[in-house]
Amino acid sequence: MAAITASMVAELRAKTDAPMMECKKALTEADGDMAKAEEVLRVKLGTKAGKAASRVTAEGVVASFIDGATGALIEVNCETDFVTKNDSFLGLAKAAAELVAKHNPADVAALGALAYAQDGFGPTLEDVRKGLIGKIGENMSFRRFKRFASGAKLASYLHGTRIGVVIEFDGDETAAKDVAMHVAAMKPVALTSADVPADLIEKERAVAAGKAEEDRKAAEAAGKPVQPADIVAKRIEGGVQKYLKEVSLFNQPFVKNDKQTIEQMLKAAGTTVKAFTLYVVGEGIEKKVDDFAAEVAAQVAAAKQAG
């Protein structure tokens, strides 16, 4: 029996993208023969893992874990909505959230290096991820996570598996959970108007200025009076202020009672929200849109040329 070294395992893993333990098992079965071990892995896992690793993962789930004042929120992506209902994939996401909360990894690579075993794969979370790619046949990835350990109380809300919110607060838990649900529904970008990122404000100002310019051109074309520059400037600034109120949490009307703002509701409940984190699956990821008709047409044209 040939001795299976760590370097041999690493070489096979680099070639096949298969989990470390699966590589070791294959090398053992192949008595150290690298080519034969590759064939063993193809039989066990197919060529799915290597091929899937380059595909876009724009679907997925958000999972959370809270233990007292420590918690985590994580987004784990896959390729299709079908896989988001797979028990193994859901188990991977939930385990990853717990590992983030308990071990405070610095980044996705450090998270993947943490000890974890599932479905016969391991001994690390990354090995399980790669193993499930081979087993399920889709690429999957840990996109982002956040750990909470500021000392504040924590409340979470998951809208299905696609939207997740964690609230850091002091005060009434019911009020905090209501705010978490509100954030999932209304998707504010900041706690207050003063916290809205400058780039978003400038983008909104540019939109308002563009609208004002269109109105000016329309007035000129119709032979109507054009508004003075100072009035136009006030209109633009008014549009920006309206936007700031709409996207800041404390200024938003509470979804359960639109006669109150979130700030008023929290004051009545004696509760302070210090921060919120909102994850929406696939946000910002460019999805591939398949044109089925074009694909069929291309196949027909190729078949005619071959004939």
Protein backbone atom coordinates (compact mmCIF):
# COMPACT_ATOMS: atom_id res chain seq x y z
CA MET A 1 0.00 0.00 0.00
CA ALA A 2 1.48 3.32 -1.12
CA ALA A 3 1.82 6.10 1.47
CA ILE A 4 -0.64 8.90 0.81
CA THR A 5 1.03 12.24 1.55
CA ALA A 6 -0.52 15.64 2.16
CA SER A 7 1.10 16.97 -1.02
CA MET A 8 -0.53 14.20 -3.07
CA VAL A 9 -3.92 15.09 -1.60
CA ALA A 10 -3.33 18.78 -2.32
CA GLU A 11 -2.32 18.03 -5.92
CA LEU A 12 -5.44 15.94 -6.56
CA ARG A 13 -7.63 18.55 -4.92
CA ALA A 14 -6.16 21.29 -7.13
CA LYS A 15 -6.81 19.18 -10.25
CA THR A 16 -10.36 18.15 -9.43
CA ASP A 17 -11.71 20.76 -6.97
CA ALA A 18 -13.03 17.83 -4.94
CA PRO A 19 -13.15 17.87 -1.10
CA MET A 20 -9.92 17.03 0.71
CA MET A 21 -11.20 13.86 2.40
CA GLU A 22 -12.69 12.60 -0.87
CA CYS A 23 -9.28 13.11 -2.51
CA LYS A 24 -7.58 11.15 0.24
CA LYS A 25 -10.09 8.29 -0.05
CA ALA A 26 -9.67 8.21 -3.83
CA LEU A 27 -5.86 8.10 -3.58
CA THR A 28 -6.07 5.32 -1.03
CA GLU A 29 -8.41 3.34 -3.27
CA ALA A 30 -6.11 3.96 -6.23
CA ASP A 31 -3.02 2.98 -4.20
CA GLY A 32 -1.45 6.38 -4.83
CA ASP A 33 -1.98 6.40 -8.62
CA MET A 34 -2.95 10.00 -9.41
CA ALA A 35 -4.62 9.27 -12.77
CA LYS A 36 -6.62 6.39 -11.33
CA ALA A 37 -7.63 8.53 -8.34
CA GLU A 38 -9.01 11.16 -10.73
CA GLU A 39 -11.12 8.46 -12.38
CA VAL A 40 -12.35 7.29 -8.95
CA LEU A 41 -13.47 10.85 -8.17
CA ARG A 42 -15.22 11.17 -11.55
CA VAL A 43 -17.19 8.03 -10.75
CA LYS A 44 -18.10 9.27 -7.26
CA LEU A 45 -18.68 12.96 -7.91
CA GLY A 46 -18.72 13.24 -11.68
CA THR A 47 -17.04 16.35 -13.08
CA LYS A 48 -19.66 18.52 -11.45
CA ALA A 49 -17.55 20.29 -8.86
CA GLY A 50 -14.90 21.56 -11.24
CA LYS A 51 -17.34 22.67 -13.93
CA ALA A 52 -19.80 24.24 -11.49
CA ALA A 53 -17.19 26.36 -9.72
CA SER A 54 -17.23 29.03 -12.44
CA ARG A 55 -21.00 29.44 -12.68
CA VAL A 56 -22.84 32.48 -11.31
CA THR A 57 -24.55 32.01 -7.95
CA ALA A 58 -27.30 34.63 -7.84
CA GLU A 59 -29.91 32.60 -5.95
CA GLY A 60 -29.52 31.40 -2.37
CA VAL A 61 -30.62 31.89 1.20
CA VAL A 62 -30.04 34.16 4.17
CA ALA A 63 -29.57 32.43 7.53
CA SER A 64 -29.20 33.84 11.04
CA PHE A 65 -28.02 32.60 14.42
CA ILE A 66 -28.45 34.33 17.76
CA ASP A 67 -27.21 33.15 21.14
CA GLY A 68 -27.78 35.84 23.77
CA ALA A 69 -25.90 38.98 22.77
CA THR A 70 -23.90 37.18 20.06
CA GLY A 71 -25.24 36.50 16.60
CA ALA A 72 -24.61 36.32 12.88
CA LEU A 73 -26.27 36.90 9.53
CA ILE A 74 -24.99 35.19 6.40
CA GLU A 75 -25.85 34.95 2.71
CA VAL A 76 -25.07 31.65 0.99
CA ASN A 77 -25.59 31.55 -2.76
CA CYS A 78 -26.38 28.88 -5.33
CA GLU A 79 -27.39 28.86 -8.99
CA THR A 80 -31.10 28.02 -8.95
CA ASP A 81 -34.07 28.52 -6.67
CA PHE A 82 -34.57 24.73 -6.65
CA VAL A 83 -31.43 24.18 -4.55
CA THR A 84 -32.58 26.72 -1.93
CA LYS A 85 -35.09 24.08 -0.80
CA ASN A 86 -32.48 21.32 -0.52
CA ASP A 87 -32.03 20.17 3.09
CA SER A 88 -28.27 19.74 2.73
CA PHE A 89 -27.85 23.25 1.34
CA LEU A 90 -30.06 24.73 4.09
CA GLY A 91 -28.08 22.78 6.70
CA LEU A 92 -24.84 24.22 5.31
CA ALA A 93 -26.20 27.79 5.56
CA LYS A 94 -27.46 27.38 9.13
CA ALA A 95 -24.19 25.78 10.24
CA ALA A 96 -22.19 28.58 8.63
CA ALA A 97 -24.18 31.22 10.52
CA GLU A 98 -23.51 29.45 13.81
CA LEU A 99 -19.81 29.11 13.03
CA VAL A 100 -19.57 32.85 12.29
CA ALA A 101 -21.20 33.70 15.63
CA LYS A 102 -19.09 31.29 17.68
CA HIS A 103 -15.68 31.66 16.03
CA ASN A 104 -15.59 35.20 14.57
CA PRO A 105 -13.76 34.38 11.29
CA ALA A 106 -12.04 37.32 9.62
CA ASP A 107 -13.36 36.60 6.13
CA VAL A 108 -14.93 33.96 3.90
CA ALA A 109 -11.64 32.06 3.58
CA ALA A 110 -11.26 31.89 7.37
CA LEU A 111 -14.88 30.75 7.66
CA GLY A 112 -14.26 27.95 5.18
CA ALA A 113 -11.26 26.73 7.20
CA LEU A 114 -13.37 26.13 10.34
CA ALA A 115 -14.02 22.54 11.42
CA TYR A 116 -17.33 21.14 10.22
CA ALA A 117 -18.62 17.84 8.80
CA GLN A 118 -21.89 17.10 7.02
CA ASP A 119 -23.25 14.50 4.57
CA GLY A 120 -20.03 12.54 4.78
CA PHE A 121 -17.90 15.53 3.80
CA GLY A 122 -15.35 17.39 5.93
CA PRO A 123 -13.32 18.07 8.00
CA THR A 124 -13.79 21.79 7.18
CA LEU A 125 -16.75 23.89 6.08
CA GLU A 126 -15.02 24.49 2.74
CA ASP A 127 -14.69 20.73 2.22
CA VAL A 128 -18.41 20.34 2.88
CA ARG A 129 -19.18 23.14 0.41
CA LYS A 130 -17.13 21.51 -2.33
CA GLY A 131 -18.55 18.10 -1.51
CA LEU A 132 -22.10 19.40 -1.86
CA ILE A 133 -21.23 21.03 -5.19
CA GLY A 134 -20.35 17.58 -6.47
CA LYS A 135 -23.33 15.90 -4.84
CA ILE A 136 -26.00 18.45 -5.83
CA GLY A 137 -24.45 19.55 -9.12
CA GLU A 138 -24.57 23.31 -8.60
CA ASN A 139 -22.03 25.89 -7.61
CA MET A 140 -22.57 27.42 -4.17
CA SER A 141 -20.66 30.07 -2.29
CA PHE A 142 -20.50 31.98 0.98
CA ARG A 143 -21.03 35.54 -0.24
CA ARG A 144 -21.03 37.71 2.89
CA PHE A 145 -21.63 37.59 6.61
CA LYS A 146 -21.74 39.84 9.64
CA ARG A 147 -21.13 38.95 13.27
CA PHE A 148 -22.83 40.81 16.13
CA ALA A 149 -21.21 41.07 19.56
CA SER A 150 -21.46 44.73 20.56
CA GLY A 151 -23.21 43.99 23.85
CA ALA A 152 -26.59 45.21 22.57
CA LYS A 153 -29.61 42.94 22.51
CA LEU A 154 -30.32 41.21 19.20
CA ALA A 155 -33.55 40.52 17.33
CA SER A 156 -33.84 38.88 13.92
CA TYR A 157 -36.45 38.41 11.23
CA LEU A 158 -36.27 36.14 8.19
CA HIS A 159 -38.79 36.67 5.40
CA GLY A 160 -38.75 33.16 3.99
CA THR A 161 -35.11 32.48 3.18
CA ARG A 162 -34.47 35.42 0.81
CA ILE A 163 -34.50 38.40 3.19
CA GLY A 164 -32.82 38.55 6.60
CA VAL A 165 -32.60 41.32 9.18
CA VAL A 166 -30.78 41.65 12.50
CA ILE A 167 -31.56 44.55 14.84
CA GLU A 168 -29.19 45.72 17.59
CA PHE A 169 -31.27 47.35 20.32
CA ASP A 170 -31.94 48.12 23.97
CA GLY A 171 -35.46 47.89 25.38
CA ASP A 172 -38.52 45.91 24.36
CA GLU A 173 -37.93 42.78 22.28
CA THR A 174 -41.39 42.83 20.68
CA ALA A 175 -40.82 46.38 19.42
CA ALA A 176 -37.39 45.38 18.08
CA LYS A 177 -38.85 42.39 16.21
CA ASP A 178 -41.50 44.67 14.73
CA VAL A 179 -38.73 46.95 13.49
CA ALA A 180 -36.90 43.96 11.99
CA MET A 181 -40.05 43.01 10.08
CA HIS A 182 -40.50 46.63 8.98
CA VAL A 183 -36.90 46.77 7.67
CA ALA A 184 -37.48 43.61 5.64
CA ALA A 185 -40.59 45.17 4.08
CA MET A 186 -39.45 48.78 3.54
CA LYS A 187 -35.70 48.29 3.05
CA PRO A 188 -34.32 51.54 4.52
CA VAL A 189 -30.69 52.34 3.77
CA ALA A 190 -29.82 54.03 7.08
CA LEU A 191 -31.11 54.75 10.59
CA THR A 192 -31.45 58.52 10.08
CA SER A 193 -31.23 61.00 7.22
CA ALA A 194 -27.78 62.02 8.46
CA ASP A 195 -26.58 58.42 8.04
CA VAL A 196 -27.55 58.03 4.38
CA PRO A 197 -24.34 57.51 2.33
CA ALA A 198 -23.18 60.58 0.42
CA ASP A 199 -23.00 58.74 -2.91
CA LEU A 200 -26.70 57.84 -2.69
CA ILE A 201 -27.59 61.46 -1.88
CA GLU A 202 -25.61 62.76 -4.86
CA LYS A 203 -27.22 60.18 -7.11
CA GLU A 204 -30.68 61.33 -6.00
CA ARG A 205 -29.68 64.98 -6.45
CA ALA A 206 -28.55 64.21 -10.00
CA VAL A 207 -31.90 62.55 -10.73
CA ALA A 208 -33.80 65.56 -9.36
CA ALA A 209 -31.62 67.94 -11.40
CA GLY A 210 -32.21 65.87 -14.52
CA LYS A 211 -35.96 66.01 -13.97
CA ALA A 212 -35.79 69.80 -13.48
CA GLU A 213 -33.85 70.16 -16.75
CA GLU A 214 -36.44 68.10 -18.61
CA ASP A 215 -39.19 70.34 -17.20
CA ARG A 216 -37.26 73.44 -18.33
CA LYS A 217 -36.90 72.11 -21.89
CA ALA A 218 -40.58 71.16 -21.98
CA ALA A 219 -41.58 74.66 -20.82
CA GLU A 220 -39.37 76.32 -23.45
CA ALA A 221 -40.75 74.09 -26.20
CA ALA A 222 -44.31 74.97 -25.17
CA GLY A 223 -43.51 78.68 -24.98
CA LYS A 224 -44.23 78.76 -21.25
CA PRO A 225 -42.26 80.72 -18.61
CA VAL A 226 -39.16 78.99 -17.29
CA GLN A 227 -38.75 78.83 -13.51
CA PRO A 228 -35.95 80.99 -12.03
CA ALA A 229 -32.74 79.22 -11.02
CA ASP A 230 -33.31 79.74 -7.29
CA ILE A 231 -36.77 78.12 -7.50
CA VAL A 232 -35.30 75.19 -9.45
CA ALA A 233 -32.58 74.77 -6.81
CA LYS A 234 -35.22 74.67 -4.08
CA ARG A 235 -37.19 72.06 -6.00
CA ILE A 236 -34.09 69.90 -6.36
CA GLU A 237 -33.24 70.19 -2.68
CA GLY A 238 -36.86 69.45 -1.78
CA GLY A 239 -36.68 66.25 -3.81
CA VAL A 240 -33.50 65.23 -2.00
CA GLN A 241 -35.04 65.85 1.42
CA LYS A 242 -38.11 63.81 0.46
CA TYR A 243 -35.81 60.96 -0.59
CA LEU A 244 -33.89 61.12 2.70
CA LYS A 245 -37.10 60.76 4.70
CA GLU A 246 -38.24 57.85 2.56
CA VAL A 247 -35.03 55.81 2.99
CA SER A 248 -34.13 56.55 6.63
CA LEU A 249 -35.61 54.06 9.09
CA PHE A 250 -36.61 56.46 11.87
CA ASN A 251 -38.53 58.71 9.45
CA GLN A 252 -40.47 55.91 7.77
CA PRO A 253 -44.15 55.33 8.66
CA PHE A 254 -44.41 52.11 10.71
CA VAL A 255 -45.84 49.31 8.53
CA LYS A 256 -48.20 48.18 11.31
CA ASN A 257 -49.45 51.71 12.01
CA ASP A 258 -48.76 54.35 9.38
CA LYS A 259 -49.95 57.09 11.73
CA GLN A 260 -46.63 56.65 13.58
CA THR A 261 -43.06 56.88 12.37
CA ILE A 262 -40.62 54.21 13.51
CA GLU A 263 -38.99 56.82 15.75
CA GLN A 264 -42.33 57.58 17.43
CA MET A 265 -43.18 53.90 17.84
CA LEU A 266 -39.82 53.18 19.46
CA LYS A 267 -40.13 56.14 21.81
CA ALA A 268 -43.56 54.93 22.94
CA ALA A 269 -42.12 51.46 23.53
CA GLY A 270 -39.09 52.78 25.45
CA THR A 271 -36.78 51.11 22.96
CA THR A 272 -33.60 52.27 21.22
CA VAL A 273 -32.45 50.78 17.92
CA LYS A 274 -28.69 51.17 17.59
CA ALA A 275 -28.19 49.54 14.19
CA PHE A 276 -29.74 47.21 11.66
CA THR A 277 -28.34 44.88 9.03
CA LEU A 278 -30.39 43.87 5.99
CA TYR A 279 -29.42 41.11 3.54
CA VAL A 280 -31.43 40.44 0.38
CA VAL A 281 -30.37 37.37 -1.60
CA GLY A 282 -28.55 38.17 -4.82
CA GLU A 283 -28.59 41.93 -4.25
CA GLY A 284 -26.03 43.46 -6.59
CA ILE A 285 -25.21 40.19 -8.38
CA GLU A 286 -25.64 40.28 -12.14
CA LYS A 287 -27.82 37.33 -13.07
CA LYS A 288 -27.40 35.47 -16.33
CA VAL A 289 -30.60 35.67 -18.38
CA ASP A 290 -31.00 32.70 -20.69
CA ASP A 291 -32.67 33.42 -24.05
CA PHE A 292 -34.26 30.04 -24.70
CA ALA A 293 -35.51 30.94 -28.19
CA ALA A 294 -32.07 32.15 -29.27
CA GLU A 295 -30.46 29.01 -27.85
CA VAL A 296 -32.84 26.74 -29.81
CA ALA A 297 -32.28 28.79 -32.99
CA ALA A 298 -28.51 28.45 -32.58
CA GLN A 299 -28.80 24.67 -32.15
CA VAL A 300 -31.00 24.38 -35.25
CA ALA A 301 -28.54 26.45 -37.31
CA ALA A 302 -25.64 24.31 -36.08
CA ALA A 303 -27.53 21.13 -36.99
CA LYS A 304 -28.21 22.45 -40.55
CA GLN A 305 -24.54 23.29 -41.04
CA ALA A 306 -23.52 19.85 -39.79
CA GLY A 307 -26.00 18.28 -42.24
